[in-house]
Amino acid sequence: MSDLSDLQHALERLTREGGSGNRLVVRGGRAWFVFHAAKGGSEIRSEAAAKQYLGKDFPLSLNDVGLIRRAGFAQVSPFKTLQRVDAADRCALIAARTQELLSTAYKHEGDLKLEITLGDRDSTENKNLLEAIRGAAGKRTPEARNSLYRAMLRSTFLLRVDAEGLPLAVGKLQSWDVFAAFTSLDALRIYAPTVDAFRTLPGRQLFPSLLDLKVGSLLIDPGGRLGGELYRNELETLARAARPTRSF
């Protein structure tokens, strides 16, 4: 495995450098831990990979999950990872615990890969859009749907992209691509805790730009409590109402 001091040093950087959204991903094969902290902060939040992120064939048993829970991790709603919070001055302990759990619970042997991101946290929230989604789900009337469309055009989304900054397809609808956009960074982390690549786009740019691609639908906050799916005909309606310049 990577030298324990490398992991400890990376953890220490989370509260000494960067900004409000510092993050460290530690990968051991398909298993991973994610650590969150802020420059000058007094805490480090740890997230351990849950079974649903690792695939059905990953050998994580109930006994293995028990090892993680006995190490102080618990599920914190609405997130689906197992989490715990430690004081920032306990980096040596956090590093040793992480290395041990990757070996015992996740059965990883070999080197670890460390991916650190230092900087400020994205502040996108879209509270008005979330209220409109709740309204449309409860009423299911044309008025509620139109109110939802207006809120979407006024909102800003986090769109998953590839290494080149282009929209990343997350699935297929027959032969058409399915993309995913999120109303906040937390919503994105629920769906994909280790993802770093996204673009922040206003709805008035997002919807027309997607029509330049072979898009079948757009998922909004997949994996979350709210959200839904916009099909191509709905994206066309939103694009006609937006009339902006393309973004990609």
C-alpha atoms as a PDB file:
ATOM      1  CA  MET A   1       0.000   0.000   0.000  1.00  0.00           C
ATOM      2  CA  SER A   2       0.992   3.619  -0.287  1.00  0.00           C
ATOM      3  CA  ASP A   3       3.123   4.762   2.600  1.00  0.00           C
ATOM      4  CA  LEU A   4       0.897   5.665   5.529  1.00  0.00           C
ATOM      5  CA  SER A   5       2.648   9.014   5.871  1.00  0.00           C
ATOM      6  CA  ASP A   6       1.521   9.992   2.334  1.00  0.00           C
ATOM      7  CA  LEU A   7      -2.107   9.504   3.319  1.00  0.00           C
ATOM      8  CA  GLN A   8      -1.622  11.349   6.592  1.00  0.00           C
ATOM      9  CA  HIS A   9       0.046  14.263   4.801  1.00  0.00           C
ATOM     10  CA  ALA A  10      -2.786  14.469   2.253  1.00  0.00           C
ATOM     11  CA  LEU A  11      -5.337  14.550   5.092  1.00  0.00           C
ATOM     12  CA  GLU A  12      -3.413  17.335   6.839  1.00  0.00           C
ATOM     13  CA  ARG A  13      -3.501  19.433   3.664  1.00  0.00           C
ATOM     14  CA  LEU A  14      -7.315  19.441   3.756  1.00  0.00           C
ATOM     15  CA  THR A  15      -7.382  21.930   6.633  1.00  0.00           C
ATOM     16  CA  ARG A  16      -4.148  23.792   5.830  1.00  0.00           C
ATOM     17  CA  GLU A  17      -4.589  24.667   2.153  1.00  0.00           C
ATOM     18  CA  GLY A  18      -7.271  25.347  -0.437  1.00  0.00           C
ATOM     19  CA  GLY A  19     -10.713  26.623   0.521  1.00  0.00           C
ATOM     20  CA  SER A  20     -14.134  25.628   1.782  1.00  0.00           C
ATOM     21  CA  GLY A  21     -14.583  22.569  -0.433  1.00  0.00           C
ATOM     22  CA  ASN A  22     -11.386  20.568  -0.006  1.00  0.00           C
ATOM     23  CA  ARG A  23     -11.712  16.878  -0.813  1.00  0.00           C
ATOM     24  CA  LEU A  24      -9.529  13.788  -0.832  1.00  0.00           C
ATOM     25  CA  VAL A  25     -10.500  10.537  -2.564  1.00  0.00           C
ATOM     26  CA  VAL A  26      -8.559   7.450  -1.496  1.00  0.00           C
ATOM     27  CA  ARG A  27      -9.021   4.513  -3.877  1.00  0.00           C
ATOM     28  CA  GLY A  28      -8.085   0.933  -3.211  1.00  0.00           C
ATOM     29  CA  GLY A  29      -9.112  -0.855  -6.386  1.00  0.00           C
ATOM     30  CA  ARG A  30     -12.875  -0.371  -6.702  1.00  0.00           C
ATOM     31  CA  ALA A  31     -13.217   0.535  -3.013  1.00  0.00           C
ATOM     32  CA  TRP A  32     -12.840   4.111  -1.834  1.00  0.00           C
ATOM     33  CA  PHE A  33     -13.069   6.623   0.980  1.00  0.00           C
ATOM     34  CA  VAL A  34     -13.796  10.329   0.503  1.00  0.00           C
ATOM     35  CA  PHE A  35     -12.692  12.986   2.997  1.00  0.00           C
ATOM     36  CA  HIS A  36     -14.134  16.515   3.194  1.00  0.00           C
ATOM     37  CA  ALA A  37     -12.771  19.521   5.081  1.00  0.00           C
ATOM     38  CA  ALA A  38     -12.216  23.277   4.835  1.00  0.00           C
ATOM     39  CA  LYS A  39      -9.088  25.357   5.174  1.00  0.00           C
ATOM     40  CA  GLY A  40      -8.812  26.388   8.825  1.00  0.00           C
ATOM     41  CA  GLY A  41     -11.546  23.918   9.778  1.00  0.00           C
ATOM     42  CA  SER A  42     -11.521  21.819  12.934  1.00  0.00           C
ATOM     43  CA  GLU A  43     -13.108  18.655  11.478  1.00  0.00           C
ATOM     44  CA  ILE A  44     -12.644  16.102   8.701  1.00  0.00           C
ATOM     45  CA  ARG A  45     -15.672  14.173   7.445  1.00  0.00           C
ATOM     46  CA  SER A  46     -15.002  10.651   6.174  1.00  0.00           C
ATOM     47  CA  GLU A  47     -17.261   8.754   3.752  1.00  0.00           C
ATOM     48  CA  ALA A  48     -16.927   5.020   3.157  1.00  0.00           C
ATOM     49  CA  ALA A  49     -18.194   3.379  -0.030  1.00  0.00           C
ATOM     50  CA  ALA A  50     -21.516   1.587   0.308  1.00  0.00           C
ATOM     51  CA  LYS A  51     -22.367  -1.606  -1.578  1.00  0.00           C
ATOM     52  CA  GLN A  52     -24.573   0.156  -4.115  1.00  0.00           C
ATOM     53  CA  TYR A  53     -21.599   2.168  -5.412  1.00  0.00           C
ATOM     54  CA  LEU A  54     -19.313  -0.858  -5.746  1.00  0.00           C
ATOM     55  CA  GLY A  55     -21.438  -3.171  -7.885  1.00  0.00           C
ATOM     56  CA  LYS A  56     -23.373  -6.352  -7.163  1.00  0.00           C
ATOM     57  CA  ASP A  57     -20.299  -8.520  -7.654  1.00  0.00           C
ATOM     58  CA  PHE A  58     -18.147  -6.667  -5.115  1.00  0.00           C
ATOM     59  CA  PRO A  59     -17.412  -8.916  -2.085  1.00  0.00           C
ATOM     60  CA  LEU A  60     -18.701  -6.609   0.660  1.00  0.00           C
ATOM     61  CA  SER A  61     -20.656  -8.777   3.089  1.00  0.00           C
ATOM     62  CA  LEU A  62     -22.863  -7.804   6.023  1.00  0.00           C
ATOM     63  CA  ASN A  63     -19.975  -8.750   8.302  1.00  0.00           C
ATOM     64  CA  ASP A  64     -17.713  -6.375   6.352  1.00  0.00           C
ATOM     65  CA  VAL A  65     -20.250  -3.565   6.722  1.00  0.00           C
ATOM     66  CA  GLY A  66     -20.299  -4.378  10.418  1.00  0.00           C
ATOM     67  CA  LEU A  67     -16.547  -3.757  10.592  1.00  0.00           C
ATOM     68  CA  ILE A  68     -17.078  -0.313   9.078  1.00  0.00           C
ATOM     69  CA  ARG A  69     -19.928   0.502  11.449  1.00  0.00           C
ATOM     70  CA  ARG A  70     -17.947  -0.650  14.475  1.00  0.00           C
ATOM     71  CA  ALA A  71     -15.241   1.791  13.373  1.00  0.00           C
ATOM     72  CA  GLY A  72     -17.749   4.578  14.054  1.00  0.00           C
ATOM     73  CA  PHE A  73     -19.355   5.011  10.633  1.00  0.00           C
ATOM     74  CA  ALA A  74     -23.119   5.470  10.207  1.00  0.00           C
ATOM     75  CA  GLN A  75     -25.488   6.511   7.451  1.00  0.00           C
ATOM     76  CA  VAL A  76     -26.382  10.202   7.535  1.00  0.00           C
ATOM     77  CA  SER A  77     -29.537  11.139   5.596  1.00  0.00           C
ATOM     78  CA  PRO A  78     -29.878  11.961   2.727  1.00  0.00           C
ATOM     79  CA  PHE A  79     -26.461  10.526   1.834  1.00  0.00           C
ATOM     80  CA  LYS A  80     -26.035   6.823   1.121  1.00  0.00           C
ATOM     81  CA  THR A  81     -22.412   6.450   2.134  1.00  0.00           C
ATOM     82  CA  LEU A  82     -21.345   5.539   5.669  1.00  0.00           C
ATOM     83  CA  GLN A  83     -19.852   8.570   7.419  1.00  0.00           C
ATOM     84  CA  ARG A  84     -18.093   9.767  10.536  1.00  0.00           C
ATOM     85  CA  VAL A  85     -16.490  13.023  11.651  1.00  0.00           C
ATOM     86  CA  ASP A  86     -13.106  13.371  13.342  1.00  0.00           C
ATOM     87  CA  ALA A  87     -11.127  16.264  14.760  1.00  0.00           C
ATOM     88  CA  ALA A  88      -8.687  17.670  12.225  1.00  0.00           C
ATOM     89  CA  ASP A  89      -5.712  16.959  14.493  1.00  0.00           C
ATOM     90  CA  ARG A  90      -6.335  13.190  14.299  1.00  0.00           C
ATOM     91  CA  CYS A  91      -4.985  12.663  10.788  1.00  0.00           C
ATOM     92  CA  ALA A  92      -2.610   9.877  11.833  1.00  0.00           C
ATOM     93  CA  LEU A  93      -5.511   7.933  13.378  1.00  0.00           C
ATOM     94  CA  ILE A  94      -7.762   8.581  10.348  1.00  0.00           C
ATOM     95  CA  ALA A  95      -5.053   7.382   7.970  1.00  0.00           C
ATOM     96  CA  ALA A  96      -4.396   4.195   9.947  1.00  0.00           C
ATOM     97  CA  ARG A  97      -8.113   3.412  10.261  1.00  0.00           C
ATOM     98  CA  THR A  98      -8.686   3.966   6.548  1.00  0.00           C
ATOM     99  CA  GLN A  99      -5.814   1.691   5.584  1.00  0.00           C
ATOM    100  CA  GLU A 100      -7.042  -1.015   7.951  1.00  0.00           C
ATOM    101  CA  LEU A 101     -10.658  -0.905   6.702  1.00  0.00           C
ATOM    102  CA  LEU A 102      -9.574  -1.049   3.067  1.00  0.00           C
ATOM    103  CA  SER A 103      -7.652  -4.192   3.936  1.00  0.00           C
ATOM    104  CA  THR A 104     -10.146  -5.904   6.245  1.00  0.00           C
ATOM    105  CA  ALA A 105     -13.626  -4.792   5.113  1.00  0.00           C
ATOM    106  CA  TYR A 106     -12.940  -4.132   1.419  1.00  0.00           C
ATOM    107  CA  LYS A 107     -10.301  -6.882   0.984  1.00  0.00           C
ATOM    108  CA  HIS A 108      -7.926  -4.576  -0.912  1.00  0.00           C
ATOM    109  CA  GLU A 109      -4.292  -5.532  -1.339  1.00  0.00           C
ATOM    110  CA  GLY A 110      -1.831  -3.256  -3.060  1.00  0.00           C
ATOM    111  CA  ASP A 111      -1.191   0.443  -3.542  1.00  0.00           C
ATOM    112  CA  LEU A 112      -3.669   3.206  -2.821  1.00  0.00           C
ATOM    113  CA  LYS A 113      -4.431   6.049  -5.198  1.00  0.00           C
ATOM    114  CA  LEU A 114      -4.821   9.513  -3.655  1.00  0.00           C
ATOM    115  CA  GLU A 115      -6.757  12.242  -5.492  1.00  0.00           C
ATOM    116  CA  ILE A 116      -6.857  15.603  -3.714  1.00  0.00           C
ATOM    117  CA  THR A 117      -8.933  18.619  -4.788  1.00  0.00           C
ATOM    118  CA  LEU A 118      -8.371  21.946  -3.024  1.00  0.00           C
ATOM    119  CA  GLY A 119     -10.659  24.937  -3.445  1.00  0.00           C
ATOM    120  CA  ASP A 120     -13.977  26.481  -2.546  1.00  0.00           C
ATOM    121  CA  ARG A 121     -17.203  24.519  -2.497  1.00  0.00           C
ATOM    122  CA  ASP A 122     -19.787  25.120  -5.216  1.00  0.00           C
ATOM    123  CA  SER A 123     -22.627  27.173  -3.716  1.00  0.00           C
ATOM    124  CA  THR A 124     -25.462  26.239  -6.112  1.00  0.00           C
ATOM    125  CA  GLU A 125     -28.687  25.505  -4.174  1.00  0.00           C
ATOM    126  CA  ASN A 126     -31.837  26.057  -6.329  1.00  0.00           C
ATOM    127  CA  LYS A 127     -34.312  26.216  -3.450  1.00  0.00           C
ATOM    128  CA  ASN A 128     -37.040  27.674  -5.679  1.00  0.00           C
ATOM    129  CA  LEU A 129     -36.643  24.844  -8.176  1.00  0.00           C
ATOM    130  CA  LEU A 130     -36.931  22.214  -5.454  1.00  0.00           C
ATOM    131  CA  GLU A 131     -40.138  23.829  -4.246  1.00  0.00           C
ATOM    132  CA  ALA A 132     -41.476  23.788  -7.821  1.00  0.00           C
ATOM    133  CA  ILE A 133     -40.596  20.090  -8.130  1.00  0.00           C
ATOM    134  CA  ARG A 134     -42.521  19.352  -4.933  1.00  0.00           C
ATOM    135  CA  GLY A 135     -45.477  21.349  -6.252  1.00  0.00           C
ATOM    136  CA  ALA A 136     -45.536  19.555  -9.597  1.00  0.00           C
ATOM    137  CA  ALA A 137     -45.310  16.160  -7.892  1.00  0.00           C
ATOM    138  CA  GLY A 138     -48.218  16.981  -5.573  1.00  0.00           C
ATOM    139  CA  LYS A 139     -50.623  18.663  -7.985  1.00  0.00           C
ATOM    140  CA  ARG A 140     -49.811  17.253 -11.440  1.00  0.00           C
ATOM    141  CA  THR A 141     -51.694  20.085 -13.176  1.00  0.00           C
ATOM    142  CA  PRO A 142     -50.684  22.061 -16.298  1.00  0.00           C
ATOM    143  CA  GLU A 143     -50.222  25.139 -14.111  1.00  0.00           C
ATOM    144  CA  ALA A 144     -47.849  23.318 -11.770  1.00  0.00           C
ATOM    145  CA  ARG A 145     -45.941  21.894 -14.755  1.00  0.00           C
ATOM    146  CA  ASN A 146     -45.565  25.338 -16.333  1.00  0.00           C
ATOM    147  CA  SER A 147     -44.385  26.738 -13.011  1.00  0.00           C
ATOM    148  CA  LEU A 148     -41.803  23.958 -12.874  1.00  0.00           C
ATOM    149  CA  TYR A 149     -40.574  24.763 -16.399  1.00  0.00           C
ATOM    150  CA  ARG A 150     -40.196  28.447 -15.523  1.00  0.00           C
ATOM    151  CA  ALA A 151     -38.218  27.534 -12.407  1.00  0.00           C
ATOM    152  CA  MET A 152     -35.935  25.295 -14.456  1.00  0.00           C
ATOM    153  CA  LEU A 153     -35.155  28.075 -16.912  1.00  0.00           C
ATOM    154  CA  ARG A 154     -34.251  30.384 -14.017  1.00  0.00           C
ATOM    155  CA  SER A 155     -32.121  27.779 -12.225  1.00  0.00           C
ATOM    156  CA  THR A 156     -28.471  26.767 -12.406  1.00  0.00           C
ATOM    157  CA  PHE A 157     -27.489  23.111 -12.778  1.00  0.00           C
ATOM    158  CA  LEU A 158     -24.407  20.988 -12.224  1.00  0.00           C
ATOM    159  CA  LEU A 159     -23.993  18.844 -15.340  1.00  0.00           C
ATOM    160  CA  ARG A 160     -21.819  15.730 -15.299  1.00  0.00           C
ATOM    161  CA  VAL A 161     -19.090  16.002 -17.929  1.00  0.00           C
ATOM    162  CA  ASP A 162     -16.176  13.912 -19.190  1.00  0.00           C
ATOM    163  CA  ALA A 163     -12.463  14.699 -19.020  1.00  0.00           C
ATOM    164  CA  GLU A 164     -12.814  17.089 -21.972  1.00  0.00           C
ATOM    165  CA  GLY A 165     -15.666  19.031 -20.372  1.00  0.00           C
ATOM    166  CA  LEU A 166     -18.371  17.585 -22.619  1.00  0.00           C
ATOM    167  CA  PRO A 167     -21.657  16.179 -21.263  1.00  0.00           C
ATOM    168  CA  LEU A 168     -21.233  12.629 -20.000  1.00  0.00           C
ATOM    169  CA  ALA A 169     -23.912  10.097 -20.894  1.00  0.00           C
ATOM    170  CA  VAL A 170     -24.979   8.087 -17.833  1.00  0.00           C
ATOM    171  CA  GLY A 171     -27.296   5.682 -19.634  1.00  0.00           C
ATOM    172  CA  LYS A 172     -29.359   4.952 -22.733  1.00  0.00           C
ATOM    173  CA  LEU A 173     -32.992   5.426 -23.693  1.00  0.00           C
ATOM    174  CA  GLN A 174     -33.241   2.988 -26.569  1.00  0.00           C
ATOM    175  CA  SER A 175     -30.469   4.339 -28.875  1.00  0.00           C
ATOM    176  CA  TRP A 176     -30.474   7.847 -27.362  1.00  0.00           C
ATOM    177  CA  ASP A 177     -28.159   9.135 -24.649  1.00  0.00           C
ATOM    178  CA  VAL A 178     -29.318   9.948 -21.125  1.00  0.00           C
ATOM    179  CA  PHE A 179     -27.531  12.756 -19.271  1.00  0.00           C
ATOM    180  CA  ALA A 180     -27.662  13.838 -15.608  1.00  0.00           C
ATOM    181  CA  ALA A 181     -27.890  17.319 -14.052  1.00  0.00           C
ATOM    182  CA  PHE A 182     -28.042  18.229 -10.386  1.00  0.00           C
ATOM    183  CA  THR A 183     -29.537  21.059  -8.354  1.00  0.00           C
ATOM    184  CA  SER A 184     -26.657  21.183  -5.849  1.00  0.00           C
ATOM    185  CA  LEU A 185     -23.276  19.673  -5.091  1.00  0.00           C
ATOM    186  CA  ASP A 186     -24.837  17.550  -2.338  1.00  0.00           C
ATOM    187  CA  ALA A 187     -27.326  16.131  -4.846  1.00  0.00           C
ATOM    188  CA  LEU A 188     -24.424  15.204  -7.139  1.00  0.00           C
ATOM    189  CA  ARG A 189     -22.519  13.584  -4.258  1.00  0.00           C
ATOM    190  CA  ILE A 190     -25.537  11.427  -3.365  1.00  0.00           C
ATOM    191  CA  TYR A 191     -25.499  10.026  -6.906  1.00  0.00           C
ATOM    192  CA  ALA A 192     -21.726   9.765  -7.336  1.00  0.00           C
ATOM    193  CA  PRO A 193     -19.680  10.572  -4.202  1.00  0.00           C
ATOM    194  CA  THR A 194     -16.282  10.453  -5.928  1.00  0.00           C
ATOM    195  CA  VAL A 195     -17.178  12.484  -9.033  1.00  0.00           C
ATOM    196  CA  ASP A 196     -15.206  15.672  -9.541  1.00  0.00           C
ATOM    197  CA  ALA A 197     -15.974  16.642 -13.145  1.00  0.00           C
ATOM    198  CA  PHE A 198     -19.041  18.828 -13.655  1.00  0.00           C
ATOM    199  CA  ARG A 199     -20.002  22.102 -15.305  1.00  0.00           C
ATOM    200  CA  THR A 200     -22.264  24.729 -13.776  1.00  0.00           C
ATOM    201  CA  LEU A 201     -24.762  25.980 -16.358  1.00  0.00           C
ATOM    202  CA  PRO A 202     -27.939  28.096 -16.232  1.00  0.00           C
ATOM    203  CA  GLY A 203     -31.027  26.310 -17.491  1.00  0.00           C
ATOM    204  CA  ARG A 204     -31.395  28.759 -20.365  1.00  0.00           C
ATOM    205  CA  GLN A 205     -28.085  27.494 -21.744  1.00  0.00           C
ATOM    206  CA  LEU A 206     -28.299  23.871 -20.658  1.00  0.00           C
ATOM    207  CA  PHE A 207     -31.518  22.789 -22.379  1.00  0.00           C
ATOM    208  CA  PRO A 208     -30.798  24.156 -25.893  1.00  0.00           C
ATOM    209  CA  SER A 209     -27.229  22.841 -25.714  1.00  0.00           C
ATOM    210  CA  LEU A 210     -28.386  19.303 -24.968  1.00  0.00           C
ATOM    211  CA  LEU A 211     -30.475  19.294 -28.147  1.00  0.00           C
ATOM    212  CA  ASP A 212     -27.258  19.556 -30.161  1.00  0.00           C
ATOM    213  CA  LEU A 213     -26.467  16.051 -28.853  1.00  0.00           C
ATOM    214  CA  LYS A 214     -28.280  12.769 -29.356  1.00  0.00           C
ATOM    215  CA  VAL A 215     -30.218  13.252 -26.120  1.00  0.00           C
ATOM    216  CA  GLY A 216     -33.139  11.045 -25.182  1.00  0.00           C
ATOM    217  CA  SER A 217     -33.672  12.389 -21.677  1.00  0.00           C
ATOM    218  CA  LEU A 218     -32.135  14.381 -18.846  1.00  0.00           C
ATOM    219  CA  LEU A 219     -32.193  13.033 -15.286  1.00  0.00           C
ATOM    220  CA  ILE A 220     -32.608  15.680 -12.575  1.00  0.00           C
ATOM    221  CA  ASP A 221     -31.048  14.706  -9.223  1.00  0.00           C
ATOM    222  CA  PRO A 222     -31.074  10.938  -9.868  1.00  0.00           C
ATOM    223  CA  GLY A 223     -30.806   8.956  -6.657  1.00  0.00           C
ATOM    224  CA  GLY A 224     -32.272  11.769  -4.542  1.00  0.00           C
ATOM    225  CA  ARG A 225     -35.645  12.188  -2.880  1.00  0.00           C
ATOM    226  CA  LEU A 226     -36.793  14.783  -5.392  1.00  0.00           C
ATOM    227  CA  GLY A 227     -36.023  15.114  -9.069  1.00  0.00           C
ATOM    228  CA  GLY A 228     -37.241  13.300 -12.126  1.00  0.00           C
ATOM    229  CA  GLU A 229     -36.641  12.867 -15.838  1.00  0.00           C
ATOM    230  CA  LEU A 230     -37.152  15.255 -18.747  1.00  0.00           C
ATOM    231  CA  TYR A 231     -37.683  13.571 -22.106  1.00  0.00           C
ATOM    232  CA  ARG A 232     -36.589  15.014 -25.422  1.00  0.00           C
ATOM    233  CA  ASN A 233     -39.958  16.585 -26.219  1.00  0.00           C
ATOM    234  CA  GLU A 234     -39.850  18.415 -22.870  1.00  0.00           C
ATOM    235  CA  LEU A 235     -36.269  19.529 -23.487  1.00  0.00           C
ATOM    236  CA  GLU A 236     -37.394  20.902 -26.852  1.00  0.00           C
ATOM    237  CA  THR A 237     -40.148  22.891 -25.134  1.00  0.00           C
ATOM    238  CA  LEU A 238     -37.663  24.322 -22.632  1.00  0.00           C
ATOM    239  CA  ALA A 239     -35.154  25.107 -25.380  1.00  0.00           C
ATOM    240  CA  ARG A 240     -37.735  27.058 -27.389  1.00  0.00           C
ATOM    241  CA  ALA A 241     -38.555  29.118 -24.311  1.00  0.00           C
ATOM    242  CA  ALA A 242     -34.894  29.781 -23.520  1.00  0.00           C
ATOM    243  CA  ARG A 243     -33.421  31.057 -26.826  1.00  0.00           C
ATOM    244  CA  PRO A 244     -29.838  31.437 -25.530  1.00  0.00           C
ATOM    245  CA  THR A 245     -26.450  30.726 -27.095  1.00  0.00           C
ATOM    246  CA  ARG A 246     -25.155  27.159 -27.044  1.00  0.00           C
ATOM    247  CA  SER A 247     -22.616  26.133 -24.392  1.00  0.00           C
ATOM    248  CA  PHE A 248     -20.884  23.117 -25.990  1.00  0.00           C
END
